[in-house]
């Protein structure tokens, strides 16, 4: 707790060593969050670096409201900055509809407490989500994975609430279609 308070205080004061410690500690988390929104590992790295630059420039905006929940609050704030950086990036790159394979080393950083089965299911889900059109992928990630409401998503993306709901519905339909096709394929292979 003391170490984290020291890092936060240092980052608020633009201390390079504290910034490096924050970067080292949360780089993997930021990369995973950003990779849900962009197509390539290189793009995820770019979004992650953009997010860290925004964090470092605006660290004075992070408030330590409850020391007992310090890391949870910091992670929430970091996720929000990464998501906004990813949204900004996707707005610039919205015309790129290509899907790219996910490099294996992205999955090497395992979340604490995550079983290998959950890790595998998450990996498979993210591969399917990556194939969604960008607008559907953004809404799916923001609503299903990040937990934002449709009015919040609409405000973040500059769309209507109805468009957000429609994109989520279409994303779910697409994912269900893919899952149904995979299940049918698995059953046919077993018989």
C-alpha atoms as a PDB file:
ATOM      1  CA  UNK A   1       0.000   0.000   0.000  1.00  0.00           C
ATOM      2  CA  UNK A   2       2.812   2.390   0.912  1.00  0.00           C
ATOM      3  CA  UNK A   3       4.635   1.625  -2.320  1.00  0.00           C
ATOM      4  CA  UNK A   4       1.523   2.331  -4.384  1.00  0.00           C
ATOM      5  CA  UNK A   5       0.888   5.602  -2.533  1.00  0.00           C
ATOM      6  CA  UNK A   6       4.505   6.586  -3.226  1.00  0.00           C
ATOM      7  CA  UNK A   7       4.105   5.755  -6.948  1.00  0.00           C
ATOM      8  CA  UNK A   8       0.857   7.748  -7.178  1.00  0.00           C
ATOM      9  CA  UNK A   9       2.364  10.722  -5.385  1.00  0.00           C
ATOM     10  CA  UNK A  10       5.424  10.601  -7.629  1.00  0.00           C
ATOM     11  CA  UNK A  11       3.351  10.373 -10.806  1.00  0.00           C
ATOM     12  CA  UNK A  12       1.269  13.368  -9.699  1.00  0.00           C
ATOM     13  CA  UNK A  13       4.550  15.272  -9.340  1.00  0.00           C
ATOM     14  CA  UNK A  14       5.857  14.112 -12.753  1.00  0.00           C
ATOM     15  CA  UNK A  15       8.598  11.964 -11.172  1.00  0.00           C
ATOM     16  CA  UNK A  16      10.077   9.812 -13.978  1.00  0.00           C
ATOM     17  CA  UNK A  17      11.038   6.944 -11.672  1.00  0.00           C
ATOM     18  CA  UNK A  18       7.483   6.708 -10.298  1.00  0.00           C
ATOM     19  CA  UNK A  19       6.100   6.858 -13.830  1.00  0.00           C
ATOM     20  CA  UNK A  20       8.377   3.993 -14.854  1.00  0.00           C
ATOM     21  CA  UNK A  21       7.233   1.944 -11.850  1.00  0.00           C
ATOM     22  CA  UNK A  22       3.561   2.529 -12.747  1.00  0.00           C
ATOM     23  CA  UNK A  23       4.271   1.659 -16.372  1.00  0.00           C
ATOM     24  CA  UNK A  24       6.058  -1.572 -15.414  1.00  0.00           C
ATOM     25  CA  UNK A  25       3.338  -2.625 -13.003  1.00  0.00           C
ATOM     26  CA  UNK A  26       0.305  -1.944 -15.218  1.00  0.00           C
ATOM     27  CA  UNK A  27       1.595  -2.311 -18.774  1.00  0.00           C
ATOM     28  CA  UNK A  28       0.168  -5.842 -19.170  1.00  0.00           C
ATOM     29  CA  UNK A  29      -3.276  -4.797 -17.977  1.00  0.00           C
ATOM     30  CA  UNK A  30      -3.311  -1.807 -20.304  1.00  0.00           C
ATOM     31  CA  UNK A  31      -2.187  -3.885 -23.255  1.00  0.00           C
ATOM     32  CA  UNK A  32      -4.951  -6.445 -22.698  1.00  0.00           C
ATOM     33  CA  UNK A  33      -7.612  -3.743 -22.421  1.00  0.00           C
ATOM     34  CA  UNK A  34      -6.418  -1.921 -25.529  1.00  0.00           C
ATOM     35  CA  UNK A  35      -6.100  -5.134 -27.543  1.00  0.00           C
ATOM     36  CA  UNK A  36      -9.836  -5.746 -27.187  1.00  0.00           C
ATOM     37  CA  UNK A  37     -10.459  -2.627 -29.251  1.00  0.00           C
ATOM     38  CA  UNK A  38      -7.808  -2.653 -31.968  1.00  0.00           C
ATOM     39  CA  UNK A  39      -6.771  -5.136 -34.642  1.00  0.00           C
ATOM     40  CA  UNK A  40      -3.055  -5.721 -34.206  1.00  0.00           C
ATOM     41  CA  UNK A  41      -0.558  -6.098 -31.418  1.00  0.00           C
ATOM     42  CA  UNK A  42       1.315  -3.077 -32.747  1.00  0.00           C
ATOM     43  CA  UNK A  43      -1.847  -0.981 -32.584  1.00  0.00           C
ATOM     44  CA  UNK A  44      -2.471  -2.185 -29.012  1.00  0.00           C
ATOM     45  CA  UNK A  45       1.045  -1.118 -28.054  1.00  0.00           C
ATOM     46  CA  UNK A  46       0.437   2.286 -29.652  1.00  0.00           C
ATOM     47  CA  UNK A  47      -2.856   2.722 -27.786  1.00  0.00           C
ATOM     48  CA  UNK A  48      -1.199   1.604 -24.546  1.00  0.00           C
ATOM     49  CA  UNK A  49       1.608   4.126 -24.962  1.00  0.00           C
ATOM     50  CA  UNK A  50      -0.890   6.877 -25.823  1.00  0.00           C
ATOM     51  CA  UNK A  51      -2.837   5.967 -22.686  1.00  0.00           C
ATOM     52  CA  UNK A  52       0.249   6.150 -20.481  1.00  0.00           C
ATOM     53  CA  UNK A  53       1.136   9.550 -21.923  1.00  0.00           C
ATOM     54  CA  UNK A  54      -2.391  10.763 -21.126  1.00  0.00           C
ATOM     55  CA  UNK A  55      -2.149   9.290 -17.629  1.00  0.00           C
ATOM     56  CA  UNK A  56       1.167  10.969 -16.930  1.00  0.00           C
ATOM     57  CA  UNK A  57      -0.042  14.336 -18.242  1.00  0.00           C
ATOM     58  CA  UNK A  58      -3.252  14.182 -16.215  1.00  0.00           C
ATOM     59  CA  UNK A  59      -2.285  12.228 -13.115  1.00  0.00           C
ATOM     60  CA  UNK A  60      -3.321  15.110 -10.891  1.00  0.00           C
ATOM     61  CA  UNK A  61      -6.936  14.236 -11.843  1.00  0.00           C
ATOM     62  CA  UNK A  62      -6.691  10.884 -10.070  1.00  0.00           C
ATOM     63  CA  UNK A  63      -8.114  11.269  -6.585  1.00  0.00           C
ATOM     64  CA  UNK A  64      -7.235   9.004  -3.671  1.00  0.00           C
ATOM     65  CA  UNK A  65     -10.693   8.862  -2.076  1.00  0.00           C
ATOM     66  CA  UNK A  66     -10.388   5.621  -0.132  1.00  0.00           C
ATOM     67  CA  UNK A  67      -6.947   4.289   0.780  1.00  0.00           C
ATOM     68  CA  UNK A  68      -8.396   0.832   1.508  1.00  0.00           C
ATOM     69  CA  UNK A  69      -9.558   0.558  -2.110  1.00  0.00           C
ATOM     70  CA  UNK A  70      -6.586   2.385  -3.587  1.00  0.00           C
ATOM     71  CA  UNK A  71      -5.456  -0.224  -6.113  1.00  0.00           C
ATOM     72  CA  UNK A  72      -9.015  -0.964  -7.241  1.00  0.00           C
ATOM     73  CA  UNK A  73      -9.660   2.755  -7.795  1.00  0.00           C
ATOM     74  CA  UNK A  74      -6.354   3.191  -9.621  1.00  0.00           C
ATOM     75  CA  UNK A  75      -7.019   0.212 -11.887  1.00  0.00           C
ATOM     76  CA  UNK A  76     -10.490   1.572 -12.670  1.00  0.00           C
ATOM     77  CA  UNK A  77      -9.032   4.959 -13.567  1.00  0.00           C
ATOM     78  CA  UNK A  78      -6.283   3.379 -15.683  1.00  0.00           C
ATOM     79  CA  UNK A  79      -8.826   1.219 -17.543  1.00  0.00           C
ATOM     80  CA  UNK A  80     -10.925   4.291 -18.277  1.00  0.00           C
ATOM     81  CA  UNK A  81      -7.919   6.163 -19.702  1.00  0.00           C
ATOM     82  CA  UNK A  82      -6.950   3.154 -21.864  1.00  0.00           C
ATOM     83  CA  UNK A  83     -10.516   2.747 -23.123  1.00  0.00           C
ATOM     84  CA  UNK A  84     -10.684   6.427 -24.059  1.00  0.00           C
ATOM     85  CA  UNK A  85      -7.313   6.177 -25.810  1.00  0.00           C
ATOM     86  CA  UNK A  86      -8.582   3.129 -27.721  1.00  0.00           C
ATOM     87  CA  UNK A  87     -11.771   4.949 -28.705  1.00  0.00           C
ATOM     88  CA  UNK A  88      -9.725   7.905 -29.954  1.00  0.00           C
ATOM     89  CA  UNK A  89      -7.509   5.546 -31.943  1.00  0.00           C
ATOM     90  CA  UNK A  90     -10.473   3.660 -33.414  1.00  0.00           C
ATOM     91  CA  UNK A  91     -12.106   6.905 -34.501  1.00  0.00           C
ATOM     92  CA  UNK A  92      -8.959   7.682 -36.475  1.00  0.00           C
ATOM     93  CA  UNK A  93      -8.746   4.144 -37.901  1.00  0.00           C
ATOM     94  CA  UNK A  94     -12.450   3.290 -38.389  1.00  0.00           C
ATOM     95  CA  UNK A  95     -12.038   2.473 -42.092  1.00  0.00           C
ATOM     96  CA  UNK A  96      -9.633  -0.430 -41.443  1.00  0.00           C
ATOM     97  CA  UNK A  97     -11.808  -3.570 -41.409  1.00  0.00           C
ATOM     98  CA  UNK A  98      -9.018  -6.127 -41.441  1.00  0.00           C
ATOM     99  CA  UNK A  99      -8.685  -8.691 -38.678  1.00  0.00           C
ATOM    100  CA  UNK A 100      -5.238  -9.868 -37.673  1.00  0.00           C
ATOM    101  CA  UNK A 101      -4.143 -12.895 -35.635  1.00  0.00           C
ATOM    102  CA  UNK A 102      -3.362 -12.344 -31.977  1.00  0.00           C
ATOM    103  CA  UNK A 103       0.298 -13.042 -31.177  1.00  0.00           C
ATOM    104  CA  UNK A 104       0.724 -15.807 -28.577  1.00  0.00           C
ATOM    105  CA  UNK A 105       2.935 -13.727 -26.294  1.00  0.00           C
ATOM    106  CA  UNK A 106      -0.028 -11.411 -25.573  1.00  0.00           C
ATOM    107  CA  UNK A 107      -1.567 -14.220 -23.521  1.00  0.00           C
ATOM    108  CA  UNK A 108       1.557 -14.951 -21.470  1.00  0.00           C
ATOM    109  CA  UNK A 109       0.734 -12.374 -18.747  1.00  0.00           C
ATOM    110  CA  UNK A 110      -1.880 -14.244 -16.722  1.00  0.00           C
ATOM    111  CA  UNK A 111      -4.213 -12.463 -14.334  1.00  0.00           C
ATOM    112  CA  UNK A 112      -3.893 -13.552 -10.722  1.00  0.00           C
ATOM    113  CA  UNK A 113      -6.525 -16.074  -9.716  1.00  0.00           C
ATOM    114  CA  UNK A 114      -7.441 -16.902 -13.301  1.00  0.00           C
ATOM    115  CA  UNK A 115      -7.571 -20.624 -14.015  1.00  0.00           C
ATOM    116  CA  UNK A 116      -6.105 -22.010 -17.214  1.00  0.00           C
ATOM    117  CA  UNK A 117      -9.609 -22.994 -18.407  1.00  0.00           C
ATOM    118  CA  UNK A 118     -10.871 -19.445 -17.925  1.00  0.00           C
ATOM    119  CA  UNK A 119      -7.777 -18.127 -19.637  1.00  0.00           C
ATOM    120  CA  UNK A 120      -8.425 -20.384 -22.637  1.00  0.00           C
ATOM    121  CA  UNK A 121     -12.110 -19.412 -22.819  1.00  0.00           C
ATOM    122  CA  UNK A 122     -11.187 -15.724 -22.585  1.00  0.00           C
ATOM    123  CA  UNK A 123      -8.640 -16.157 -25.364  1.00  0.00           C
ATOM    124  CA  UNK A 124     -11.180 -17.896 -27.613  1.00  0.00           C
ATOM    125  CA  UNK A 125     -13.803 -15.234 -26.915  1.00  0.00           C
ATOM    126  CA  UNK A 126     -11.358 -12.426 -27.684  1.00  0.00           C
ATOM    127  CA  UNK A 127     -10.440 -14.065 -30.992  1.00  0.00           C
ATOM    128  CA  UNK A 128     -14.143 -14.098 -31.932  1.00  0.00           C
ATOM    129  CA  UNK A 129     -14.660 -10.532 -30.736  1.00  0.00           C
ATOM    130  CA  UNK A 130     -11.695  -9.382 -32.842  1.00  0.00           C
ATOM    131  CA  UNK A 131     -13.591 -10.530 -35.959  1.00  0.00           C
ATOM    132  CA  UNK A 132     -16.536  -8.221 -35.239  1.00  0.00           C
ATOM    133  CA  UNK A 133     -16.817  -5.029 -37.295  1.00  0.00           C
ATOM    134  CA  UNK A 134     -15.165  -2.161 -35.361  1.00  0.00           C
ATOM    135  CA  UNK A 135     -18.418  -0.412 -34.338  1.00  0.00           C
ATOM    136  CA  UNK A 136     -19.913  -3.658 -32.999  1.00  0.00           C
ATOM    137  CA  UNK A 137     -16.653  -4.599 -31.270  1.00  0.00           C
ATOM    138  CA  UNK A 138     -16.463  -1.218 -29.512  1.00  0.00           C
ATOM    139  CA  UNK A 139     -20.002  -1.432 -28.134  1.00  0.00           C
ATOM    140  CA  UNK A 140     -19.626  -5.109 -27.186  1.00  0.00           C
ATOM    141  CA  UNK A 141     -16.410  -4.432 -25.258  1.00  0.00           C
ATOM    142  CA  UNK A 142     -17.753  -1.337 -23.543  1.00  0.00           C
ATOM    143  CA  UNK A 143     -21.071  -2.902 -22.513  1.00  0.00           C
ATOM    144  CA  UNK A 144     -20.368  -6.584 -21.910  1.00  0.00           C
ATOM    145  CA  UNK A 145     -16.759  -6.543 -20.750  1.00  0.00           C
ATOM    146  CA  UNK A 146     -16.360  -3.064 -19.228  1.00  0.00           C
ATOM    147  CA  UNK A 147     -19.939  -2.741 -17.906  1.00  0.00           C
ATOM    148  CA  UNK A 148     -20.889   0.660 -19.319  1.00  0.00           C
ATOM    149  CA  UNK A 149     -24.568   1.455 -19.888  1.00  0.00           C
ATOM    150  CA  UNK A 150     -25.920   2.262 -23.338  1.00  0.00           C
ATOM    151  CA  UNK A 151     -26.346   5.992 -22.543  1.00  0.00           C
ATOM    152  CA  UNK A 152     -22.714   6.104 -21.336  1.00  0.00           C
ATOM    153  CA  UNK A 153     -21.531   4.307 -24.487  1.00  0.00           C
ATOM    154  CA  UNK A 154     -23.578   6.626 -26.680  1.00  0.00           C
ATOM    155  CA  UNK A 155     -21.965   9.648 -25.056  1.00  0.00           C
ATOM    156  CA  UNK A 156     -18.449   8.178 -25.303  1.00  0.00           C
ATOM    157  CA  UNK A 157     -18.772   7.219 -28.969  1.00  0.00           C
ATOM    158  CA  UNK A 158     -20.934  10.113 -30.139  1.00  0.00           C
ATOM    159  CA  UNK A 159     -23.806   7.847 -31.224  1.00  0.00           C
ATOM    160  CA  UNK A 160     -27.412   7.452 -30.104  1.00  0.00           C
ATOM    161  CA  UNK A 161     -28.459   5.076 -27.350  1.00  0.00           C
ATOM    162  CA  UNK A 162     -30.500   3.175 -29.940  1.00  0.00           C
ATOM    163  CA  UNK A 163     -27.430   2.723 -32.143  1.00  0.00           C
ATOM    164  CA  UNK A 164     -25.499   1.403 -29.157  1.00  0.00           C
ATOM    165  CA  UNK A 165     -28.249  -1.132 -28.406  1.00  0.00           C
ATOM    166  CA  UNK A 166     -28.499  -2.104 -32.066  1.00  0.00           C
ATOM    167  CA  UNK A 167     -24.729  -2.598 -32.409  1.00  0.00           C
ATOM    168  CA  UNK A 168     -24.687  -4.764 -29.271  1.00  0.00           C
ATOM    169  CA  UNK A 169     -27.568  -6.851 -30.579  1.00  0.00           C
ATOM    170  CA  UNK A 170     -25.819  -7.343 -33.920  1.00  0.00           C
ATOM    171  CA  UNK A 171     -22.536  -8.192 -32.182  1.00  0.00           C
ATOM    172  CA  UNK A 172     -24.251 -10.809 -30.021  1.00  0.00           C
ATOM    173  CA  UNK A 173     -26.045 -12.276 -33.036  1.00  0.00           C
ATOM    174  CA  UNK A 174     -22.750 -12.522 -34.908  1.00  0.00           C
ATOM    175  CA  UNK A 175     -21.019 -14.190 -31.938  1.00  0.00           C
ATOM    176  CA  UNK A 176     -23.912 -16.625 -31.471  1.00  0.00           C
ATOM    177  CA  UNK A 177     -23.720 -17.532 -35.150  1.00  0.00           C
ATOM    178  CA  UNK A 178     -19.979 -18.199 -34.850  1.00  0.00           C
ATOM    179  CA  UNK A 179     -20.434 -20.252 -31.668  1.00  0.00           C
ATOM    180  CA  UNK A 180     -23.264 -22.268 -33.209  1.00  0.00           C
ATOM    181  CA  UNK A 181     -21.144 -22.981 -36.287  1.00  0.00           C
ATOM    182  CA  UNK A 182     -18.211 -24.078 -34.084  1.00  0.00           C
ATOM    183  CA  UNK A 183     -20.454 -26.330 -31.980  1.00  0.00           C
ATOM    184  CA  UNK A 184     -21.956 -27.909 -35.087  1.00  0.00           C
ATOM    185  CA  UNK A 185     -18.468 -28.440 -36.488  1.00  0.00           C
ATOM    186  CA  UNK A 186     -17.322 -30.055 -33.212  1.00  0.00           C
ATOM    187  CA  UNK A 187     -20.317 -32.376 -33.124  1.00  0.00           C
ATOM    188  CA  UNK A 188     -19.764 -33.419 -36.743  1.00  0.00           C
ATOM    189  CA  UNK A 189     -16.103 -34.148 -36.046  1.00  0.00           C
ATOM    190  CA  UNK A 190     -17.002 -36.357 -33.063  1.00  0.00           C
ATOM    191  CA  UNK A 191     -19.468 -38.531 -34.995  1.00  0.00           C
END
